[in-house]
Amino acid sequence: MPGRHVRFSTENSFHSPPPHLSSSISTASSSSGPFTPPSLPYASLPGPTPFAPRRSYTDVSIAHARAHRLMAFSESSLLSYDISLHPSTVSTHYHGLSSAGMLEPAVYPPQSTFSIVTPHLPWTILVVASNGRYATVSDTLTALYRALRVNVTPTKFNSLGTHKLMRRVAVAYTHRYMRLKGHHGYAEEKAAGVKRVDFLMGCTKLRGLSPTESAGVWRLHLS
């Protein structure tokens, strides 16, 4: 759509008019070369994927790892949450939800820190226990929100590699700030520029976590 502006910060703007992205967009170079997402069996999912080492289940704690019922991966997950929004917007159809439940361990065995990866993003998200003992459900939702609010640099944007993916991120960015049009925060959200959450390209509905083959690493499922 002509005239759409894709901003990366208040000092550094990037003009991109999807669906006809400017030919001036180029892959940023560095001493180590441009970021290139690895080839994956997740071709139907948008965006690049982080590197997650694969290991066999050699530890009983890994073999029996599970997520809290509120965070467990399911097509009909207990929590209804758009991770592009603040955790205070979480809702549920689960009648047993309580503030106490949000303070229970997010994963079992309980861990003071753990990492979250997803095929949708080239970043790993770290969850740290706020109580000093184990990371809670609330800690996890907060970590997701804060990590995804981090700004994206032009270099990382260009690392998407194709105009199609850049267009999809640009559209996600536009939709994100346009939903605030006419409300407080619209101008600030637009001026803040592209954020990591835009790399999800609209796939922001939480479906939960599932264990990976690496200790302390959990896969985030979205739709």
C-alpha atoms as a PDB file:
ATOM      1  CA  MET A   1       0.000   0.000   0.000  1.00  0.00           C
ATOM      2  CA  PRO A   2       1.734   3.226  -1.130  1.00  0.00           C
ATOM      3  CA  GLY A   3       2.799   5.598   1.564  1.00  0.00           C
ATOM      4  CA  ARG A   4       3.289   3.095   4.358  1.00  0.00           C
ATOM      5  CA  HIS A   5       6.262   3.898   6.576  1.00  0.00           C
ATOM      6  CA  VAL A   6       8.281   1.249   8.342  1.00  0.00           C
ATOM      7  CA  ARG A   7      10.176   2.805  11.224  1.00  0.00           C
ATOM      8  CA  PHE A   8      13.004   1.291  13.245  1.00  0.00           C
ATOM      9  CA  SER A   9      13.473   4.109  15.718  1.00  0.00           C
ATOM     10  CA  THR A  10      12.700   7.787  16.125  1.00  0.00           C
ATOM     11  CA  GLU A  11      16.136   8.608  14.724  1.00  0.00           C
ATOM     12  CA  ASN A  12      16.264   5.997  11.997  1.00  0.00           C
ATOM     13  CA  SER A  13      13.288   5.525   9.707  1.00  0.00           C
ATOM     14  CA  PHE A  14      12.899   3.111   6.849  1.00  0.00           C
ATOM     15  CA  HIS A  15      10.362   3.770   4.141  1.00  0.00           C
ATOM     16  CA  SER A  16       8.843   0.712   2.586  1.00  0.00           C
ATOM     17  CA  PRO A  17       5.588   0.702   0.596  1.00  0.00           C
ATOM     18  CA  PRO A  18       4.288  -2.898   0.521  1.00  0.00           C
ATOM     19  CA  PRO A  19       3.284  -4.627  -1.645  1.00  0.00           C
ATOM     20  CA  HIS A  20       5.866  -2.834  -3.837  1.00  0.00           C
ATOM     21  CA  LEU A  21       8.907  -2.763  -1.621  1.00  0.00           C
ATOM     22  CA  SER A  22      11.492  -0.232  -2.655  1.00  0.00           C
ATOM     23  CA  SER A  23      14.438  -1.663  -4.526  1.00  0.00           C
ATOM     24  CA  SER A  24      16.659   0.408  -2.233  1.00  0.00           C
ATOM     25  CA  ILE A  25      16.256  -2.262   0.452  1.00  0.00           C
ATOM     26  CA  SER A  26      19.493  -4.179   0.491  1.00  0.00           C
ATOM     27  CA  THR A  27      21.013  -6.876   2.623  1.00  0.00           C
ATOM     28  CA  ALA A  28      23.156  -5.213   5.235  1.00  0.00           C
ATOM     29  CA  SER A  29      26.717  -6.461   5.336  1.00  0.00           C
ATOM     30  CA  SER A  30      29.057  -6.963   8.233  1.00  0.00           C
ATOM     31  CA  SER A  31      32.385  -8.543   8.937  1.00  0.00           C
ATOM     32  CA  SER A  32      30.645 -11.866   9.426  1.00  0.00           C
ATOM     33  CA  GLY A  33      28.252 -11.464   6.520  1.00  0.00           C
ATOM     34  CA  PRO A  34      24.467 -11.083   6.495  1.00  0.00           C
ATOM     35  CA  PHE A  35      22.211 -13.094   8.768  1.00  0.00           C
ATOM     36  CA  THR A  36      20.767 -15.979   6.799  1.00  0.00           C
ATOM     37  CA  PRO A  37      17.981 -18.062   8.344  1.00  0.00           C
ATOM     38  CA  PRO A  38      18.814 -21.775   8.162  1.00  0.00           C
ATOM     39  CA  SER A  39      16.810 -24.148   6.006  1.00  0.00           C
ATOM     40  CA  LEU A  40      14.056 -25.742   8.079  1.00  0.00           C
ATOM     41  CA  PRO A  41      11.258 -28.295   7.981  1.00  0.00           C
ATOM     42  CA  TYR A  42       8.939 -25.465   9.096  1.00  0.00           C
ATOM     43  CA  ALA A  43       8.424 -23.976   5.648  1.00  0.00           C
ATOM     44  CA  SER A  44       4.758 -23.217   6.339  1.00  0.00           C
ATOM     45  CA  LEU A  45       5.641 -21.005   9.295  1.00  0.00           C
ATOM     46  CA  PRO A  46       6.603 -17.345   8.826  1.00  0.00           C
ATOM     47  CA  GLY A  47       9.990 -15.958   9.602  1.00  0.00           C
ATOM     48  CA  PRO A  48      13.387 -17.459  10.412  1.00  0.00           C
ATOM     49  CA  THR A  49      14.165 -19.860  13.221  1.00  0.00           C
ATOM     50  CA  PRO A  50      16.653 -19.761  16.078  1.00  0.00           C
ATOM     51  CA  PHE A  51      19.343 -22.345  16.409  1.00  0.00           C
ATOM     52  CA  ALA A  52      18.347 -24.929  18.966  1.00  0.00           C
ATOM     53  CA  PRO A  53      20.837 -27.765  19.530  1.00  0.00           C
ATOM     54  CA  ARG A  54      19.314 -31.203  19.279  1.00  0.00           C
ATOM     55  CA  ARG A  55      20.112 -33.748  21.946  1.00  0.00           C
ATOM     56  CA  SER A  56      18.754 -37.115  22.884  1.00  0.00           C
ATOM     57  CA  TYR A  57      16.910 -37.606  26.140  1.00  0.00           C
ATOM     58  CA  THR A  58      19.848 -38.634  28.310  1.00  0.00           C
ATOM     59  CA  ASP A  59      18.544 -37.120  31.538  1.00  0.00           C
ATOM     60  CA  VAL A  60      15.432 -38.319  33.351  1.00  0.00           C
ATOM     61  CA  SER A  61      14.505 -34.693  34.165  1.00  0.00           C
ATOM     62  CA  ILE A  62      14.435 -33.911  30.430  1.00  0.00           C
ATOM     63  CA  ALA A  63      12.458 -37.028  29.596  1.00  0.00           C
ATOM     64  CA  HIS A  64       9.784 -36.108  32.135  1.00  0.00           C
ATOM     65  CA  ALA A  65       9.726 -32.374  31.481  1.00  0.00           C
ATOM     66  CA  ARG A  66       6.272 -30.852  31.188  1.00  0.00           C
ATOM     67  CA  ALA A  67       4.727 -27.404  31.209  1.00  0.00           C
ATOM     68  CA  HIS A  68       2.219 -26.113  33.754  1.00  0.00           C
ATOM     69  CA  ARG A  69      -1.344 -26.824  32.653  1.00  0.00           C
ATOM     70  CA  LEU A  70      -1.821 -23.102  31.922  1.00  0.00           C
ATOM     71  CA  MET A  71       1.253 -23.086  29.667  1.00  0.00           C
ATOM     72  CA  ALA A  72       1.076 -26.560  28.128  1.00  0.00           C
ATOM     73  CA  PHE A  73       0.854 -26.717  24.339  1.00  0.00           C
ATOM     74  CA  SER A  74      -2.668 -27.379  23.115  1.00  0.00           C
ATOM     75  CA  GLU A  75      -4.853 -26.394  20.191  1.00  0.00           C
ATOM     76  CA  SER A  76      -7.369 -25.332  22.840  1.00  0.00           C
ATOM     77  CA  SER A  77      -4.955 -23.870  25.375  1.00  0.00           C
ATOM     78  CA  LEU A  78      -6.345 -22.778  28.727  1.00  0.00           C
ATOM     79  CA  LEU A  79      -5.007 -19.239  28.434  1.00  0.00           C
ATOM     80  CA  SER A  80      -6.300 -16.862  25.803  1.00  0.00           C
ATOM     81  CA  TYR A  81      -3.442 -14.485  25.161  1.00  0.00           C
ATOM     82  CA  ASP A  82      -2.221 -12.360  22.272  1.00  0.00           C
ATOM     83  CA  ILE A  83       1.480 -12.012  23.075  1.00  0.00           C
ATOM     84  CA  SER A  84       1.671  -8.687  21.259  1.00  0.00           C
ATOM     85  CA  LEU A  85      -0.356  -7.255  24.158  1.00  0.00           C
ATOM     86  CA  HIS A  86       0.496  -6.719  27.824  1.00  0.00           C
ATOM     87  CA  PRO A  87       0.072  -9.824  30.055  1.00  0.00           C
ATOM     88  CA  SER A  88      -2.698  -7.996  31.914  1.00  0.00           C
ATOM     89  CA  THR A  89      -4.916  -8.785  28.911  1.00  0.00           C
ATOM     90  CA  VAL A  90      -4.751 -12.549  29.521  1.00  0.00           C
ATOM     91  CA  SER A  91      -8.137 -14.236  29.824  1.00  0.00           C
ATOM     92  CA  THR A  92      -9.294 -17.828  30.177  1.00  0.00           C
ATOM     93  CA  HIS A  93     -12.293 -20.112  30.023  1.00  0.00           C
ATOM     94  CA  TYR A  94     -10.675 -22.177  32.762  1.00  0.00           C
ATOM     95  CA  HIS A  95     -12.663 -21.691  35.958  1.00  0.00           C
ATOM     96  CA  GLY A  96      -9.757 -22.788  38.129  1.00  0.00           C
ATOM     97  CA  LEU A  97      -7.542 -19.863  37.156  1.00  0.00           C
ATOM     98  CA  SER A  98      -6.355 -17.814  40.096  1.00  0.00           C
ATOM     99  CA  SER A  99      -3.575 -15.408  40.955  1.00  0.00           C
ATOM    100  CA  ALA A 100      -1.987 -18.266  42.874  1.00  0.00           C
ATOM    101  CA  GLY A 101      -1.907 -20.374  39.711  1.00  0.00           C
ATOM    102  CA  MET A 102      -0.024 -17.642  37.863  1.00  0.00           C
ATOM    103  CA  LEU A 103       2.667 -17.843  40.556  1.00  0.00           C
ATOM    104  CA  GLU A 104       3.167 -21.597  40.214  1.00  0.00           C
ATOM    105  CA  PRO A 105       6.155 -23.019  38.282  1.00  0.00           C
ATOM    106  CA  ALA A 106       5.774 -22.552  34.532  1.00  0.00           C
ATOM    107  CA  VAL A 107       7.577 -25.809  33.804  1.00  0.00           C
ATOM    108  CA  TYR A 108       8.335 -29.013  35.674  1.00  0.00           C
ATOM    109  CA  PRO A 109      10.749 -29.868  37.100  1.00  0.00           C
ATOM    110  CA  PRO A 110      10.765 -26.224  38.298  1.00  0.00           C
ATOM    111  CA  GLN A 111      13.650 -24.194  36.884  1.00  0.00           C
ATOM    112  CA  SER A 112      15.094 -20.859  37.988  1.00  0.00           C
ATOM    113  CA  THR A 113      15.792 -20.019  34.332  1.00  0.00           C
ATOM    114  CA  PHE A 114      14.886 -21.533  31.009  1.00  0.00           C
ATOM    115  CA  SER A 115      14.972 -20.554  27.360  1.00  0.00           C
ATOM    116  CA  ILE A 116      12.165 -20.327  24.817  1.00  0.00           C
ATOM    117  CA  VAL A 117      12.650 -20.826  21.077  1.00  0.00           C
ATOM    118  CA  THR A 118      10.231 -20.828  18.164  1.00  0.00           C
ATOM    119  CA  PRO A 119      10.510 -21.350  14.401  1.00  0.00           C
ATOM    120  CA  HIS A 120       8.906 -17.916  14.024  1.00  0.00           C
ATOM    121  CA  LEU A 121      11.863 -15.961  15.420  1.00  0.00           C
ATOM    122  CA  PRO A 122      15.679 -15.829  15.164  1.00  0.00           C
ATOM    123  CA  TRP A 123      15.948 -14.924  18.857  1.00  0.00           C
ATOM    124  CA  THR A 124      15.997 -16.987  22.033  1.00  0.00           C
ATOM    125  CA  ILE A 125      13.904 -15.677  24.922  1.00  0.00           C
ATOM    126  CA  LEU A 126      15.212 -16.119  28.458  1.00  0.00           C
ATOM    127  CA  VAL A 127      12.805 -16.552  31.368  1.00  0.00           C
ATOM    128  CA  VAL A 128      14.201 -15.785  34.824  1.00  0.00           C
ATOM    129  CA  ALA A 129      12.601 -16.463  38.193  1.00  0.00           C
ATOM    130  CA  SER A 130      11.411 -13.279  39.875  1.00  0.00           C
ATOM    131  CA  ASN A 131      11.167 -15.087  43.203  1.00  0.00           C
ATOM    132  CA  GLY A 132      14.741 -16.361  43.018  1.00  0.00           C
ATOM    133  CA  ARG A 133      13.625 -20.003  43.086  1.00  0.00           C
ATOM    134  CA  TYR A 134      11.595 -20.994  40.023  1.00  0.00           C
ATOM    135  CA  ALA A 135      10.230 -19.223  36.968  1.00  0.00           C
ATOM    136  CA  THR A 136       6.470 -18.853  37.214  1.00  0.00           C
ATOM    137  CA  VAL A 137       3.669 -18.721  34.671  1.00  0.00           C
ATOM    138  CA  SER A 138       3.564 -14.969  35.235  1.00  0.00           C
ATOM    139  CA  ASP A 139       7.338 -14.696  34.734  1.00  0.00           C
ATOM    140  CA  THR A 140       6.993 -16.498  31.421  1.00  0.00           C
ATOM    141  CA  LEU A 141       4.238 -14.261  30.054  1.00  0.00           C
ATOM    142  CA  THR A 142       6.136 -11.172  31.149  1.00  0.00           C
ATOM    143  CA  ALA A 143       9.389 -12.399  29.587  1.00  0.00           C
ATOM    144  CA  LEU A 144       7.641 -13.080  26.279  1.00  0.00           C
ATOM    145  CA  TYR A 145       6.051  -9.647  26.202  1.00  0.00           C
ATOM    146  CA  ARG A 146       9.221  -7.750  27.125  1.00  0.00           C
ATOM    147  CA  ALA A 147      11.451  -9.680  24.715  1.00  0.00           C
ATOM    148  CA  LEU A 148       9.074  -9.077  21.825  1.00  0.00           C
ATOM    149  CA  ARG A 149       8.892  -5.328  22.534  1.00  0.00           C
ATOM    150  CA  VAL A 150      12.586  -4.921  21.689  1.00  0.00           C
ATOM    151  CA  ASN A 151      13.187  -2.821  18.565  1.00  0.00           C
ATOM    152  CA  VAL A 152      14.459  -4.382  15.349  1.00  0.00           C
ATOM    153  CA  THR A 153      17.418  -2.820  13.565  1.00  0.00           C
ATOM    154  CA  PRO A 154      17.477  -2.214   9.790  1.00  0.00           C
ATOM    155  CA  THR A 155      20.230  -4.833   9.579  1.00  0.00           C
ATOM    156  CA  LYS A 156      18.035  -7.480  11.185  1.00  0.00           C
ATOM    157  CA  PHE A 157      15.087  -6.418   9.017  1.00  0.00           C
ATOM    158  CA  ASN A 158      17.198  -6.825   5.878  1.00  0.00           C
ATOM    159  CA  SER A 159      18.362 -10.201   7.144  1.00  0.00           C
ATOM    160  CA  LEU A 160      14.889 -11.549   6.391  1.00  0.00           C
ATOM    161  CA  GLY A 161      16.337 -11.914   2.933  1.00  0.00           C
ATOM    162  CA  THR A 162      13.284 -11.614   0.705  1.00  0.00           C
ATOM    163  CA  HIS A 163      10.927  -8.785  -0.161  1.00  0.00           C
ATOM    164  CA  LYS A 164       7.992 -11.082   0.596  1.00  0.00           C
ATOM    165  CA  LEU A 165       9.049 -11.564   4.221  1.00  0.00           C
ATOM    166  CA  MET A 166       9.892  -7.870   4.576  1.00  0.00           C
ATOM    167  CA  ARG A 167       6.426  -6.982   3.312  1.00  0.00           C
ATOM    168  CA  ARG A 168       4.803  -9.335   5.812  1.00  0.00           C
ATOM    169  CA  VAL A 169       6.755  -7.819   8.705  1.00  0.00           C
ATOM    170  CA  ALA A 170       5.892  -4.313   7.470  1.00  0.00           C
ATOM    171  CA  VAL A 171       2.207  -5.219   7.345  1.00  0.00           C
ATOM    172  CA  ALA A 172       2.360  -6.692  10.873  1.00  0.00           C
ATOM    173  CA  TYR A 173       3.966  -3.486  12.129  1.00  0.00           C
ATOM    174  CA  THR A 174       1.267  -1.378  10.470  1.00  0.00           C
ATOM    175  CA  HIS A 175      -1.565  -3.504  11.850  1.00  0.00           C
ATOM    176  CA  ARG A 176      -0.040  -3.313  15.324  1.00  0.00           C
ATOM    177  CA  TYR A 177      -0.061   0.460  15.564  1.00  0.00           C
ATOM    178  CA  MET A 178      -3.224   0.977  13.487  1.00  0.00           C
ATOM    179  CA  ARG A 179      -5.321  -0.938  16.018  1.00  0.00           C
ATOM    180  CA  LEU A 180      -4.611   1.948  18.388  1.00  0.00           C
ATOM    181  CA  LYS A 181      -5.750   4.622  15.954  1.00  0.00           C
ATOM    182  CA  GLY A 182      -8.038   7.053  17.737  1.00  0.00           C
ATOM    183  CA  HIS A 183      -6.793   5.870  21.119  1.00  0.00           C
ATOM    184  CA  HIS A 184      -4.069   6.911  23.517  1.00  0.00           C
ATOM    185  CA  GLY A 185      -0.653   5.586  22.517  1.00  0.00           C
ATOM    186  CA  TYR A 186      -1.223   5.451  18.748  1.00  0.00           C
ATOM    187  CA  ALA A 187       1.429   8.041  17.844  1.00  0.00           C
ATOM    188  CA  GLU A 188       3.949   6.591  20.271  1.00  0.00           C
ATOM    189  CA  GLU A 189       3.456   3.046  19.009  1.00  0.00           C
ATOM    190  CA  LYS A 190       3.839   4.128  15.394  1.00  0.00           C
ATOM    191  CA  ALA A 191       6.933   6.233  16.101  1.00  0.00           C
ATOM    192  CA  ALA A 192       8.563   3.433  18.129  1.00  0.00           C
ATOM    193  CA  GLY A 193       9.086   1.461  14.937  1.00  0.00           C
ATOM    194  CA  VAL A 194       9.367  -2.207  14.042  1.00  0.00           C
ATOM    195  CA  LYS A 195       9.700  -4.593  16.979  1.00  0.00           C
ATOM    196  CA  ARG A 196      10.508  -8.258  17.323  1.00  0.00           C
ATOM    197  CA  VAL A 197       6.829  -9.090  17.686  1.00  0.00           C
ATOM    198  CA  ASP A 198       6.332  -7.974  14.068  1.00  0.00           C
ATOM    199  CA  PHE A 199       8.570 -10.843  12.946  1.00  0.00           C
ATOM    200  CA  LEU A 200       5.728 -13.129  14.037  1.00  0.00           C
ATOM    201  CA  MET A 201       3.787 -11.713  11.070  1.00  0.00           C
ATOM    202  CA  GLY A 202       0.433 -11.921  12.811  1.00  0.00           C
ATOM    203  CA  CYS A 203       0.963 -15.292  14.514  1.00  0.00           C
ATOM    204  CA  THR A 204       0.592 -13.935  18.046  1.00  0.00           C
ATOM    205  CA  LYS A 205      -1.954 -16.239  19.679  1.00  0.00           C
ATOM    206  CA  LEU A 206      -0.337 -18.266  22.444  1.00  0.00           C
ATOM    207  CA  ARG A 207      -0.729 -22.028  22.112  1.00  0.00           C
ATOM    208  CA  GLY A 208       1.672 -22.965  24.874  1.00  0.00           C
ATOM    209  CA  LEU A 209       5.060 -24.528  25.472  1.00  0.00           C
ATOM    210  CA  SER A 210       6.422 -27.987  24.823  1.00  0.00           C
ATOM    211  CA  PRO A 211       9.799 -29.462  25.853  1.00  0.00           C
ATOM    212  CA  THR A 212      12.599 -29.788  23.317  1.00  0.00           C
ATOM    213  CA  GLU A 213      15.393 -32.338  23.335  1.00  0.00           C
ATOM    214  CA  SER A 214      17.648 -29.813  25.065  1.00  0.00           C
ATOM    215  CA  ALA A 215      17.555 -29.351  28.827  1.00  0.00           C
ATOM    216  CA  GLY A 216      16.193 -25.954  29.781  1.00  0.00           C
ATOM    217  CA  VAL A 217      14.958 -25.142  26.269  1.00  0.00           C
ATOM    218  CA  TRP A 218      11.223 -24.973  25.502  1.00  0.00           C
ATOM    219  CA  ARG A 219       9.449 -24.517  22.206  1.00  0.00           C
ATOM    220  CA  LEU A 220       6.837 -21.785  21.917  1.00  0.00           C
ATOM    221  CA  HIS A 221       3.749 -22.605  19.872  1.00  0.00           C
ATOM    222  CA  LEU A 222       1.722 -19.843  18.225  1.00  0.00           C
ATOM    223  CA  SER A 223      -1.083 -19.476  15.726  1.00  0.00           C
END
